[in-house]
Amino acid sequence: MTLNDLKPGQSGKVTKLLGFGPLRRRIIDMGIIPGTIIFMKRIAPFGDPIQISVRGYELSIRKSEAKEILIDNIKGV
């Protein structure tokens, strides 16, 4: 499953990054690396961007970027 598949209020653990080049570098620079826990805060009314919580700070990313982040859904986190 990808980060894009999470619903607001759900959490996931990053397992793999699919992007390459500048997109992959940007995702890594935001602190999103394998093993990181991500909490889905909310989705914009038209579905793009999405707001997530990573390592104690809030990020807004595009759905196209979220589709490049593979995660495992975490229950109860």
N, C-alpha and C. Protein backbone atom coordinates (compact mmCIF):
# COMPACT_ATOMS: atom_id res chain seq x y z
N MET A 1 0.85 -1.17 0.00
CA MET A 1 0.00 0.00 0.00
C MET A 1 0.89 1.23 0.00
N THR A 2 0.38 2.33 -0.50
CA THR A 2 1.15 3.57 -0.54
C THR A 2 0.60 4.56 0.48
N LEU A 3 1.36 5.60 0.73
CA LEU A 3 0.93 6.65 1.65
C LEU A 3 -0.39 7.26 1.19
N ASN A 4 -0.59 7.31 -0.10
CA ASN A 4 -1.81 7.85 -0.69
C ASN A 4 -3.06 7.07 -0.26
N ASP A 5 -2.91 5.81 0.14
CA ASP A 5 -4.03 4.95 0.51
C ASP A 5 -4.50 5.13 1.95
N LEU A 6 -3.70 5.81 2.79
CA LEU A 6 -4.10 6.03 4.18
C LEU A 6 -5.28 6.98 4.27
N LYS A 7 -6.12 6.74 5.25
CA LYS A 7 -7.24 7.63 5.55
C LYS A 7 -6.84 8.52 6.72
N PRO A 8 -7.47 9.70 6.85
CA PRO A 8 -7.16 10.57 7.99
C PRO A 8 -7.32 9.83 9.32
N GLY A 9 -6.32 9.99 10.19
CA GLY A 9 -6.33 9.33 11.49
C GLY A 9 -5.55 8.02 11.50
N GLN A 10 -5.14 7.52 10.35
CA GLN A 10 -4.37 6.28 10.28
C GLN A 10 -2.88 6.58 10.25
N SER A 11 -2.10 5.58 10.66
CA SER A 11 -0.64 5.68 10.65
C SER A 11 -0.06 4.57 9.81
N GLY A 12 1.16 4.80 9.34
CA GLY A 12 1.86 3.79 8.58
C GLY A 12 3.36 3.91 8.78
N LYS A 13 4.05 2.80 8.54
CA LYS A 13 5.50 2.78 8.65
C LYS A 13 6.07 2.65 7.24
N VAL A 14 6.98 3.55 6.87
CA VAL A 14 7.56 3.55 5.53
C VAL A 14 8.40 2.28 5.34
N THR A 15 8.15 1.57 4.23
CA THR A 15 8.92 0.37 3.93
C THR A 15 9.87 0.58 2.76
N LYS A 16 9.48 1.43 1.79
CA LYS A 16 10.31 1.62 0.61
C LYS A 16 9.91 2.90 -0.12
N LEU A 17 10.89 3.53 -0.77
CA LEU A 17 10.63 4.70 -1.61
C LEU A 17 10.78 4.27 -3.06
N LEU A 18 9.76 4.57 -3.87
CA LEU A 18 9.78 4.18 -5.27
C LEU A 18 10.36 5.25 -6.18
N GLY A 19 10.30 6.49 -5.79
CA GLY A 19 10.75 7.59 -6.65
C GLY A 19 12.24 7.52 -6.94
N PHE A 20 12.66 8.30 -7.93
CA PHE A 20 14.08 8.39 -8.27
C PHE A 20 14.43 9.82 -8.62
N GLY A 21 15.71 10.10 -8.66
CA GLY A 21 16.18 11.44 -9.03
C GLY A 21 15.78 12.49 -8.02
N PRO A 22 15.42 13.69 -8.53
CA PRO A 22 15.09 14.81 -7.64
C PRO A 22 13.90 14.54 -6.72
N LEU A 23 12.92 13.78 -7.20
CA LEU A 23 11.76 13.47 -6.35
C LEU A 23 12.18 12.64 -5.15
N ARG A 24 12.99 11.61 -5.37
CA ARG A 24 13.47 10.76 -4.27
C ARG A 24 14.29 11.59 -3.28
N ARG A 25 15.16 12.44 -3.79
CA ARG A 25 16.00 13.29 -2.93
C ARG A 25 15.13 14.21 -2.07
N ARG A 26 14.07 14.77 -2.66
CA ARG A 26 13.18 15.68 -1.94
C ARG A 26 12.46 14.93 -0.82
N ILE A 27 11.99 13.72 -1.10
CA ILE A 27 11.30 12.92 -0.09
C ILE A 27 12.25 12.59 1.07
N ILE A 28 13.46 12.20 0.75
CA ILE A 28 14.45 11.88 1.78
C ILE A 28 14.80 13.13 2.59
N ASP A 29 14.95 14.28 1.93
CA ASP A 29 15.26 15.53 2.62
C ASP A 29 14.16 15.94 3.60
N MET A 30 12.93 15.51 3.36
CA MET A 30 11.82 15.81 4.27
C MET A 30 11.84 14.88 5.48
N GLY A 31 12.76 13.92 5.51
CA GLY A 31 12.86 13.01 6.64
C GLY A 31 12.06 11.73 6.48
N ILE A 32 11.56 11.50 5.28
CA ILE A 32 10.77 10.30 5.03
C ILE A 32 11.70 9.24 4.45
N ILE A 33 12.11 8.31 5.34
CA ILE A 33 13.00 7.22 4.95
C ILE A 33 12.40 5.92 5.48
N PRO A 34 12.84 4.76 4.97
CA PRO A 34 12.31 3.50 5.49
C PRO A 34 12.44 3.42 7.02
N GLY A 35 11.35 2.97 7.65
CA GLY A 35 11.31 2.86 9.11
C GLY A 35 10.60 4.03 9.78
N THR A 36 10.37 5.11 9.06
CA THR A 36 9.72 6.29 9.62
C THR A 36 8.22 6.06 9.77
N ILE A 37 7.67 6.51 10.90
CA ILE A 37 6.22 6.43 11.14
C ILE A 37 5.59 7.72 10.63
N ILE A 38 4.51 7.57 9.85
CA ILE A 38 3.79 8.72 9.28
C ILE A 38 2.35 8.65 9.74
N PHE A 39 1.82 9.78 10.20
CA PHE A 39 0.42 9.89 10.62
C PHE A 39 -0.32 10.77 9.63
N MET A 40 -1.40 10.27 9.05
CA MET A 40 -2.20 11.05 8.09
C MET A 40 -3.12 11.99 8.87
N LYS A 41 -2.88 13.28 8.74
CA LYS A 41 -3.68 14.28 9.45
C LYS A 41 -4.99 14.57 8.72
N ARG A 42 -4.87 15.02 7.47
CA ARG A 42 -6.07 15.37 6.70
C ARG A 42 -5.78 15.40 5.22
N ILE A 43 -6.87 15.40 4.46
CA ILE A 43 -6.80 15.49 3.00
C ILE A 43 -7.56 16.73 2.58
N ALA A 44 -7.00 17.51 1.68
CA ALA A 44 -7.65 18.73 1.20
C ALA A 44 -9.00 18.39 0.56
N PRO A 45 -9.92 19.34 0.53
CA PRO A 45 -11.26 19.08 0.00
C PRO A 45 -11.28 18.46 -1.41
N PHE A 46 -10.38 18.86 -2.26
CA PHE A 46 -10.35 18.29 -3.61
C PHE A 46 -9.36 17.14 -3.72
N GLY A 47 -8.81 16.69 -2.57
CA GLY A 47 -7.96 15.52 -2.53
C GLY A 47 -6.47 15.77 -2.67
N ASP A 48 -6.06 16.99 -2.94
CA ASP A 48 -4.63 17.27 -3.13
C ASP A 48 -4.34 18.68 -2.64
N PRO A 49 -3.41 18.91 -1.74
CA PRO A 49 -2.43 18.00 -1.16
C PRO A 49 -2.98 17.28 0.06
N ILE A 50 -2.12 16.46 0.68
CA ILE A 50 -2.46 15.78 1.92
C ILE A 50 -1.54 16.31 3.01
N GLN A 51 -2.05 16.34 4.24
CA GLN A 51 -1.23 16.80 5.36
C GLN A 51 -0.88 15.60 6.22
N ILE A 52 0.42 15.45 6.49
CA ILE A 52 0.92 14.33 7.29
C ILE A 52 1.78 14.85 8.44
N SER A 53 1.95 14.01 9.44
CA SER A 53 2.84 14.31 10.55
C SER A 53 4.00 13.32 10.50
N VAL A 54 5.22 13.86 10.42
CA VAL A 54 6.43 13.04 10.32
C VAL A 54 7.46 13.57 11.30
N ARG A 55 7.96 12.70 12.16
CA ARG A 55 9.04 13.06 13.09
C ARG A 55 8.73 14.32 13.91
N GLY A 56 7.45 14.51 14.26
CA GLY A 56 7.06 15.63 15.11
C GLY A 56 6.77 16.94 14.39
N TYR A 57 6.75 16.94 13.08
CA TYR A 57 6.39 18.16 12.37
C TYR A 57 5.37 17.84 11.27
N GLU A 58 4.67 18.87 10.82
CA GLU A 58 3.61 18.74 9.83
C GLU A 58 4.15 19.00 8.43
N LEU A 59 3.71 18.20 7.47
CA LEU A 59 4.11 18.35 6.07
C LEU A 59 2.88 18.29 5.20
N SER A 60 2.88 19.02 4.12
CA SER A 60 1.86 18.88 3.09
C SER A 60 2.57 18.41 1.83
N ILE A 61 2.10 17.30 1.28
CA ILE A 61 2.71 16.78 0.06
C ILE A 61 1.62 16.46 -0.96
N ARG A 62 2.00 16.43 -2.19
CA ARG A 62 1.08 16.11 -3.27
C ARG A 62 0.80 14.61 -3.30
N LYS A 63 -0.37 14.26 -3.85
CA LYS A 63 -0.72 12.85 -3.97
C LYS A 63 0.26 12.11 -4.87
N SER A 64 0.78 12.78 -5.88
CA SER A 64 1.74 12.14 -6.79
C SER A 64 3.01 11.75 -6.03
N GLU A 65 3.41 12.56 -5.05
CA GLU A 65 4.57 12.22 -4.22
C GLU A 65 4.22 11.10 -3.25
N ALA A 66 3.01 11.13 -2.69
CA ALA A 66 2.58 10.11 -1.73
C ALA A 66 2.50 8.73 -2.37
N LYS A 67 2.22 8.68 -3.67
CA LYS A 67 2.14 7.40 -4.37
C LYS A 67 3.51 6.74 -4.52
N GLU A 68 4.58 7.48 -4.29
CA GLU A 68 5.94 6.94 -4.40
C GLU A 68 6.48 6.41 -3.07
N ILE A 69 5.64 6.44 -2.03
CA ILE A 69 6.06 6.01 -0.69
C ILE A 69 5.26 4.78 -0.28
N LEU A 70 5.91 3.63 -0.22
CA LEU A 70 5.26 2.39 0.20
C LEU A 70 5.27 2.31 1.72
N ILE A 71 4.12 1.89 2.30
CA ILE A 71 4.00 1.82 3.75
C ILE A 71 3.28 0.54 4.17
N ASP A 72 3.44 0.20 5.44
CA ASP A 72 2.64 -0.83 6.10
C ASP A 72 1.72 -0.10 7.05
N ASN A 73 0.44 -0.38 6.99
CA ASN A 73 -0.53 0.24 7.88
C ASN A 73 -0.29 -0.22 9.30
N ILE A 74 -0.37 0.71 10.26
CA ILE A 74 -0.17 0.40 11.68
C ILE A 74 -1.49 0.62 12.39
N LYS A 75 -1.91 -0.37 13.12
CA LYS A 75 -3.17 -0.27 13.87
C LYS A 75 -2.88 0.27 15.27
N GLY A 76 -3.67 1.26 15.70
CA GLY A 76 -3.57 1.75 17.06
C GLY A 76 -2.44 2.72 17.34
N VAL A 77 -1.80 3.26 16.32
CA VAL A 77 -0.71 4.22 16.55
C VAL A 77 -1.18 5.57 16.10
